[in-house]
C-alpha cells in the first residue's frame, strides 16, 4: 500500500509530514462506523489492531483533535464524525 500502511492494513509508523498524517487518520477513521458510540477501550482495541508502533493514545488523540471523532465531556465515549 505505502511505506506508512502495509498491505495488511497496518500503520507502520506515525508520519512527520502533515499530508501523510491526514492519510493515516483518514485510513484509521474509516475503520469505525459513523454515528456509533464507542467506549474508549473499543477505540483503543481497534487502533491496536491497525498500527504497529504501540501508541494508540496518540492516534486516538489525533483522531479527536483533527475533528474526525467527537468525545463526550468525560472523554469515555467516542463517535466518528462524518466528513463535511
N, C-alpha and C. Protein backbone atom coordinates (compact mmCIF):
# COMPACT_ATOMS: atom_id res chain seq x y z
N UNK A 1 0.83 -1.18 0.00
CA UNK A 1 0.00 0.00 0.00
C UNK A 1 0.88 1.25 0.00
N UNK A 2 1.67 1.42 1.03
CA UNK A 2 2.63 2.52 1.07
C UNK A 2 3.65 2.23 2.15
N UNK A 3 4.60 3.15 2.31
CA UNK A 3 5.59 2.99 3.37
C UNK A 3 4.96 3.20 4.75
N UNK A 4 3.81 3.86 4.78
CA UNK A 4 3.13 4.13 6.04
C UNK A 4 2.14 3.04 6.43
N UNK A 5 1.45 2.48 5.44
CA UNK A 5 0.42 1.49 5.69
C UNK A 5 0.78 0.22 4.92
N UNK A 6 0.89 -0.89 5.62
CA UNK A 6 1.29 -2.14 4.98
C UNK A 6 0.14 -2.73 4.17
N UNK A 7 0.44 -3.73 3.38
CA UNK A 7 -0.59 -4.42 2.60
C UNK A 7 -1.62 -5.08 3.50
N UNK A 8 -1.23 -5.38 4.74
CA UNK A 8 -2.15 -6.00 5.71
C UNK A 8 -3.05 -4.97 6.39
N UNK A 9 -2.91 -3.69 6.02
CA UNK A 9 -3.74 -2.66 6.62
C UNK A 9 -3.30 -2.23 8.00
N UNK A 10 -1.99 -2.19 8.21
CA UNK A 10 -1.42 -1.79 9.49
C UNK A 10 -0.56 -0.55 9.27
N UNK A 11 -0.79 0.47 10.09
CA UNK A 11 0.03 1.68 10.03
C UNK A 11 1.38 1.34 10.66
N UNK A 12 2.44 1.50 9.86
CA UNK A 12 3.77 1.08 10.29
C UNK A 12 4.47 2.11 11.17
N UNK A 13 4.16 3.40 10.96
CA UNK A 13 4.80 4.46 11.74
C UNK A 13 3.95 5.71 11.68
N UNK A 14 4.15 6.57 12.65
CA UNK A 14 3.47 7.86 12.66
C UNK A 14 4.29 8.81 11.80
N UNK A 15 3.68 9.39 10.76
CA UNK A 15 4.44 10.21 9.82
C UNK A 15 4.80 11.59 10.38
N UNK A 16 5.82 12.17 9.81
CA UNK A 16 6.24 13.52 10.18
C UNK A 16 5.49 14.57 9.36
N UNK A 17 5.20 14.27 8.11
CA UNK A 17 4.55 15.24 7.22
C UNK A 17 3.05 15.33 7.49
N UNK A 18 2.54 16.56 7.49
CA UNK A 18 1.12 16.80 7.76
C UNK A 18 0.23 16.08 6.75
N UNK A 19 0.61 16.09 5.48
CA UNK A 19 -0.21 15.44 4.45
C UNK A 19 -0.29 13.94 4.68
N UNK A 20 0.79 13.34 5.14
CA UNK A 20 0.79 11.91 5.43
C UNK A 20 -0.05 11.60 6.68
N UNK A 21 -0.03 12.51 7.65
CA UNK A 21 -0.86 12.33 8.84
C UNK A 21 -2.33 12.30 8.45
N UNK A 22 -2.72 13.17 7.53
CA UNK A 22 -4.11 13.19 7.05
C UNK A 22 -4.48 11.84 6.45
N UNK A 23 -3.61 11.28 5.65
CA UNK A 23 -3.88 9.97 5.04
C UNK A 23 -4.04 8.88 6.09
N UNK A 24 -3.15 8.87 7.07
CA UNK A 24 -3.21 7.86 8.12
C UNK A 24 -4.49 8.02 8.95
N UNK A 25 -4.82 9.25 9.32
CA UNK A 25 -6.02 9.48 10.12
C UNK A 25 -7.29 9.13 9.36
N UNK A 26 -7.33 9.46 8.07
CA UNK A 26 -8.49 9.07 7.26
C UNK A 26 -8.61 7.55 7.18
N UNK A 27 -7.49 6.88 6.99
CA UNK A 27 -7.46 5.42 6.93
C UNK A 27 -8.00 4.82 8.23
N UNK A 28 -7.53 5.32 9.37
CA UNK A 28 -7.96 4.79 10.66
C UNK A 28 -9.41 5.13 10.96
N UNK A 29 -9.82 6.35 10.66
CA UNK A 29 -11.21 6.75 10.92
C UNK A 29 -12.18 5.87 10.15
N UNK A 30 -11.80 5.45 8.96
CA UNK A 30 -12.67 4.62 8.12
C UNK A 30 -12.91 3.24 8.73
N UNK A 31 -12.11 2.86 9.71
CA UNK A 31 -12.29 1.56 10.38
C UNK A 31 -13.48 1.58 11.35
N UNK A 32 -13.99 2.77 11.64
CA UNK A 32 -15.08 2.93 12.61
C UNK A 32 -16.37 3.30 11.90
N UNK A 33 -17.47 2.81 12.42
CA UNK A 33 -18.78 3.10 11.88
C UNK A 33 -19.21 4.50 12.32
N UNK A 34 -19.64 5.32 11.35
CA UNK A 34 -20.09 6.68 11.67
C UNK A 34 -21.37 6.63 12.48
N UNK A 35 -21.48 7.54 13.46
CA UNK A 35 -22.69 7.65 14.25
C UNK A 35 -22.83 6.65 15.38
N UNK A 36 -21.91 5.74 15.50
CA UNK A 36 -21.97 4.74 16.58
C UNK A 36 -21.09 5.19 17.74
N UNK A 37 -21.57 5.00 18.96
CA UNK A 37 -20.77 5.29 20.14
C UNK A 37 -19.78 4.17 20.39
N UNK A 38 -18.56 4.56 20.72
CA UNK A 38 -17.50 3.60 21.06
C UNK A 38 -16.94 3.96 22.43
N UNK A 39 -16.82 2.99 23.29
CA UNK A 39 -16.11 3.20 24.55
C UNK A 39 -14.63 3.39 24.23
N UNK A 40 -13.94 4.10 25.10
CA UNK A 40 -12.52 4.35 24.87
C UNK A 40 -11.75 3.04 24.66
N UNK A 41 -12.11 2.02 25.42
CA UNK A 41 -11.45 0.72 25.27
C UNK A 41 -11.65 0.14 23.87
N UNK A 42 -12.85 0.28 23.31
CA UNK A 42 -13.12 -0.20 21.95
C UNK A 42 -12.27 0.55 20.93
N UNK A 43 -12.16 1.85 21.11
CA UNK A 43 -11.33 2.65 20.21
C UNK A 43 -9.89 2.18 20.31
N UNK A 44 -9.40 2.03 21.52
CA UNK A 44 -8.02 1.56 21.72
C UNK A 44 -7.79 0.21 21.07
N UNK A 45 -8.72 -0.72 21.27
CA UNK A 45 -8.57 -2.07 20.70
C UNK A 45 -8.52 -2.03 19.18
N UNK A 46 -9.37 -1.21 18.57
CA UNK A 46 -9.36 -1.09 17.11
C UNK A 46 -8.04 -0.48 16.64
N UNK A 47 -7.60 0.55 17.30
CA UNK A 47 -6.34 1.18 16.90
C UNK A 47 -5.16 0.24 17.10
N UNK A 48 -5.17 -0.55 18.15
CA UNK A 48 -4.09 -1.51 18.39
C UNK A 48 -3.99 -2.52 17.25
N UNK A 49 -5.15 -2.89 16.69
CA UNK A 49 -5.16 -3.86 15.58
C UNK A 49 -4.64 -3.27 14.28
N UNK A 50 -4.67 -1.95 14.17
CA UNK A 50 -4.34 -1.32 12.89
C UNK A 50 -3.11 -0.43 12.92
N UNK A 51 -2.24 -0.63 13.91
CA UNK A 51 -0.94 0.04 13.88
C UNK A 51 0.08 -0.84 14.60
N UNK A 52 1.35 -0.59 14.31
CA UNK A 52 2.38 -1.47 14.86
C UNK A 52 3.41 -0.74 15.72
N UNK A 53 3.23 0.55 15.97
CA UNK A 53 4.27 1.28 16.71
C UNK A 53 3.90 1.55 18.17
N UNK A 54 2.78 1.00 18.65
CA UNK A 54 2.48 0.98 20.06
C UNK A 54 2.04 2.27 20.71
N UNK A 55 1.45 3.19 19.94
CA UNK A 55 0.99 4.44 20.56
C UNK A 55 -0.45 4.73 20.16
N UNK A 56 -1.37 3.88 20.62
CA UNK A 56 -2.78 4.06 20.30
C UNK A 56 -3.34 5.33 20.94
N UNK A 57 -2.78 5.76 22.07
CA UNK A 57 -3.26 7.00 22.71
C UNK A 57 -2.99 8.20 21.80
N UNK A 58 -1.84 8.24 21.16
CA UNK A 58 -1.53 9.30 20.20
C UNK A 58 -2.55 9.30 19.07
N UNK A 59 -2.82 8.13 18.53
CA UNK A 59 -3.76 8.02 17.42
C UNK A 59 -5.16 8.43 17.82
N UNK A 60 -5.61 7.99 18.99
CA UNK A 60 -6.94 8.36 19.48
C UNK A 60 -7.03 9.87 19.66
N UNK A 61 -6.02 10.46 20.26
CA UNK A 61 -5.98 11.91 20.46
C UNK A 61 -5.99 12.66 19.13
N UNK A 62 -5.21 12.18 18.18
CA UNK A 62 -5.15 12.83 16.86
C UNK A 62 -6.50 12.72 16.14
N UNK A 63 -7.16 11.59 16.26
CA UNK A 63 -8.49 11.45 15.64
C UNK A 63 -9.47 12.46 16.23
N UNK A 64 -9.39 12.66 17.53
CA UNK A 64 -10.26 13.63 18.19
C UNK A 64 -9.86 15.06 17.82
N UNK A 65 -8.61 15.39 17.97
CA UNK A 65 -8.16 16.76 17.74
C UNK A 65 -8.30 17.20 16.29
N UNK A 66 -8.29 16.25 15.37
CA UNK A 66 -8.44 16.58 13.96
C UNK A 66 -9.91 16.72 13.55
N UNK A 67 -10.83 16.44 14.48
CA UNK A 67 -12.25 16.56 14.19
C UNK A 67 -12.87 15.34 13.56
N UNK A 68 -12.12 14.25 13.45
CA UNK A 68 -12.67 13.02 12.88
C UNK A 68 -13.52 12.26 13.90
N UNK A 69 -13.27 12.51 15.18
CA UNK A 69 -14.02 11.90 16.27
C UNK A 69 -14.53 13.00 17.19
N UNK A 70 -15.70 12.76 17.76
CA UNK A 70 -16.16 13.60 18.87
C UNK A 70 -16.01 12.77 20.14
N UNK A 71 -16.09 13.45 21.27
CA UNK A 71 -15.91 12.77 22.55
C UNK A 71 -16.86 13.39 23.55
N UNK A 72 -17.44 12.57 24.42
CA UNK A 72 -18.31 13.13 25.45
C UNK A 72 -17.46 13.94 26.45
N UNK A 73 -18.11 14.69 27.30
CA UNK A 73 -17.41 15.59 28.22
C UNK A 73 -16.45 14.86 29.16
N UNK A 74 -16.77 13.65 29.52
CA UNK A 74 -15.88 12.87 30.39
C UNK A 74 -14.75 12.22 29.62
N UNK A 75 -14.86 12.15 28.31
CA UNK A 75 -13.81 11.56 27.49
C UNK A 75 -13.87 10.05 27.37
N UNK A 76 -14.95 9.43 27.82
CA UNK A 76 -15.02 7.98 27.79
C UNK A 76 -15.78 7.39 26.62
N UNK A 77 -16.53 8.24 25.89
CA UNK A 77 -17.30 7.75 24.76
C UNK A 77 -16.93 8.57 23.52
N UNK A 78 -16.57 7.85 22.47
CA UNK A 78 -16.14 8.47 21.21
C UNK A 78 -17.13 8.14 20.11
N UNK A 79 -17.16 8.99 19.09
CA UNK A 79 -18.02 8.78 17.95
C UNK A 79 -17.32 9.35 16.71
N UNK A 80 -17.29 8.55 15.64
CA UNK A 80 -16.71 9.05 14.39
C UNK A 80 -17.62 10.12 13.81
N UNK A 81 -17.02 11.19 13.35
CA UNK A 81 -17.76 12.28 12.76
C UNK A 81 -17.68 12.13 11.24
N UNK A 82 -18.83 12.23 10.57
CA UNK A 82 -18.83 12.14 9.12
C UNK A 82 -18.06 13.30 8.51
N UNK A 83 -17.42 13.04 7.39
CA UNK A 83 -16.71 14.10 6.68
C UNK A 83 -17.68 15.18 6.24
N UNK A 84 -17.22 16.38 6.32
CA UNK A 84 -18.09 17.51 5.97
C UNK A 84 -18.06 17.79 4.50
